[in-house]
Amino acid sequence: METMACLTKGAVVAAAGLSVALLAGCGNSEKFNRAAYEVCLADAKKAGSNIASASFASFENAKVTSSTGDDQFRVNIPYELGSQKGLFQCIAEKNRDGSFKVADA
């Protein structure tokens, strides 16, 4: 019976450790989402873009989604250009060094 209690305690400790590791990984999600937003915002504002002078939504008002295990982030940034409202859509790819780039179309 003592062996079973030890195994159960060990399983609880292992599960707790895994939970902490997973939560630590989630801490980077806002960092990655913000980096994906920034690279897409820069792409929207680049010279020659027909919406470069638009007023773009902040990170908090944009929508960034990613797929589990995927290094691609879909970024949707609302904007206003004069009286016109629109949505700039972009795919940002995470590089090996943690930086982001706009995915090729």
Protein backbone atom coordinates (compact mmCIF):
# COMPACT_ATOMS: atom_id res chain seq x y z
CA MET A 1 0.00 0.00 0.00
CA GLU A 2 2.90 2.34 0.79
CA THR A 3 4.31 1.80 -2.72
CA MET A 4 0.96 2.74 -4.26
CA ALA A 5 0.80 5.96 -2.22
CA CYS A 6 4.34 6.83 -3.32
CA LEU A 7 3.45 6.22 -6.98
CA THR A 8 0.32 8.35 -6.67
CA LYS A 9 2.29 11.20 -5.07
CA GLY A 10 4.89 10.89 -7.82
CA ALA A 11 2.20 11.05 -10.50
CA VAL A 12 0.70 14.16 -8.90
CA VAL A 13 4.12 15.84 -8.73
CA ALA A 14 4.82 14.92 -12.37
CA ALA A 15 1.42 16.23 -13.49
CA ALA A 16 1.99 19.46 -11.57
CA GLY A 17 5.40 19.87 -13.19
CA LEU A 18 3.92 19.33 -16.63
CA SER A 19 1.20 21.89 -15.92
CA VAL A 20 3.79 24.48 -14.89
CA ALA A 21 5.80 23.80 -18.05
CA LEU A 22 2.73 24.15 -20.24
CA LEU A 23 1.70 27.38 -18.53
CA ALA A 24 5.20 28.76 -18.93
CA GLY A 25 4.92 28.09 -22.66
CA CYS A 26 1.61 29.95 -22.72
CA GLY A 27 3.37 32.97 -21.26
CA ASN A 28 5.12 33.38 -24.59
CA SER A 29 1.87 33.34 -26.54
CA GLU A 30 1.14 37.04 -25.97
CA LYS A 31 4.76 37.84 -26.82
CA PHE A 32 4.49 35.89 -30.08
CA ASN A 33 1.04 37.29 -30.88
CA ARG A 34 2.31 40.84 -30.36
CA ALA A 35 5.39 40.18 -32.53
CA ALA A 36 3.17 38.74 -35.30
CA TYR A 37 0.89 41.81 -35.03
CA GLU A 38 3.87 44.19 -35.26
CA VAL A 39 5.33 42.57 -38.39
CA CYS A 40 1.92 42.58 -40.09
CA LEU A 41 1.26 46.19 -39.06
CA ALA A 42 4.59 47.20 -40.57
CA ASP A 43 3.64 45.36 -43.77
CA ALA A 44 0.30 47.21 -43.93
CA LYS A 45 2.04 50.56 -43.47
CA LYS A 46 4.85 49.96 -45.95
CA ALA A 47 5.40 52.50 -48.70
CA GLY A 48 3.34 51.81 -51.76
CA SER A 49 0.52 50.16 -49.86
CA ASN A 50 -2.90 51.56 -50.76
CA ILE A 51 -3.78 51.63 -47.03
CA ALA A 52 -0.43 52.88 -45.69
CA SER A 53 -1.99 56.08 -44.34
CA ALA A 54 -4.95 54.33 -42.68
CA SER A 55 -5.63 54.39 -38.96
CA PHE A 56 -5.00 50.85 -37.68
CA ALA A 57 -6.42 49.17 -34.59
CA SER A 58 -4.14 48.56 -31.63
CA PHE A 59 -2.86 45.10 -30.76
CA GLU A 60 -5.61 44.78 -28.15
CA ASN A 61 -8.28 45.39 -30.82
CA ALA A 62 -6.74 43.13 -33.45
CA LYS A 63 -7.20 39.37 -33.65
CA VAL A 64 -4.20 37.06 -33.75
CA THR A 65 -4.65 33.29 -33.98
CA SER A 66 -2.23 30.44 -34.42
CA SER A 67 -2.46 26.73 -34.92
CA THR A 68 -1.07 24.36 -32.33
CA GLY A 69 2.37 23.21 -33.41
CA ASP A 70 2.35 25.65 -36.29
CA ASP A 71 4.69 28.59 -36.70
CA GLN A 72 2.15 30.60 -38.67
CA PHE A 73 -0.07 33.24 -37.10
CA ARG A 74 -3.13 34.71 -38.80
CA VAL A 75 -3.43 38.42 -38.00
CA ASN A 76 -6.55 40.50 -38.64
CA ILE A 77 -6.14 44.24 -38.07
CA PRO A 78 -9.18 46.51 -38.48
CA TYR A 79 -8.47 49.89 -40.06
CA GLU A 80 -10.16 53.10 -41.14
CA LEU A 81 -9.17 55.11 -44.17
CA GLY A 82 -11.30 58.22 -44.41
CA SER A 83 -14.86 57.00 -44.05
CA GLN A 84 -13.96 53.51 -45.26
CA LYS A 85 -13.53 50.68 -42.75
CA GLY A 86 -11.62 47.56 -43.64
CA LEU A 87 -9.71 44.58 -42.34
CA PHE A 88 -6.05 43.99 -43.13
CA GLN A 89 -5.29 40.27 -43.11
CA CYS A 90 -1.81 38.83 -42.90
CA ILE A 91 -0.01 35.57 -42.16
CA ALA A 92 3.11 35.97 -40.04
CA GLU A 93 5.65 33.15 -39.84
CA LYS A 94 7.87 32.61 -36.83
CA ASN A 95 11.54 32.19 -37.73
CA ARG A 96 13.86 29.82 -35.87
CA ASP A 97 15.37 32.74 -33.96
CA GLY A 98 11.93 33.78 -32.64
CA SER A 99 11.55 36.77 -34.98
CA PHE A 100 8.67 37.02 -37.44
CA LYS A 101 8.27 37.69 -41.15
CA VAL A 102 5.25 38.08 -43.40
CA ALA A 103 4.57 34.80 -45.18
CA ASP A 104 4.91 34.79 -48.94
CA ALA A 105 1.56 34.80 -50.70
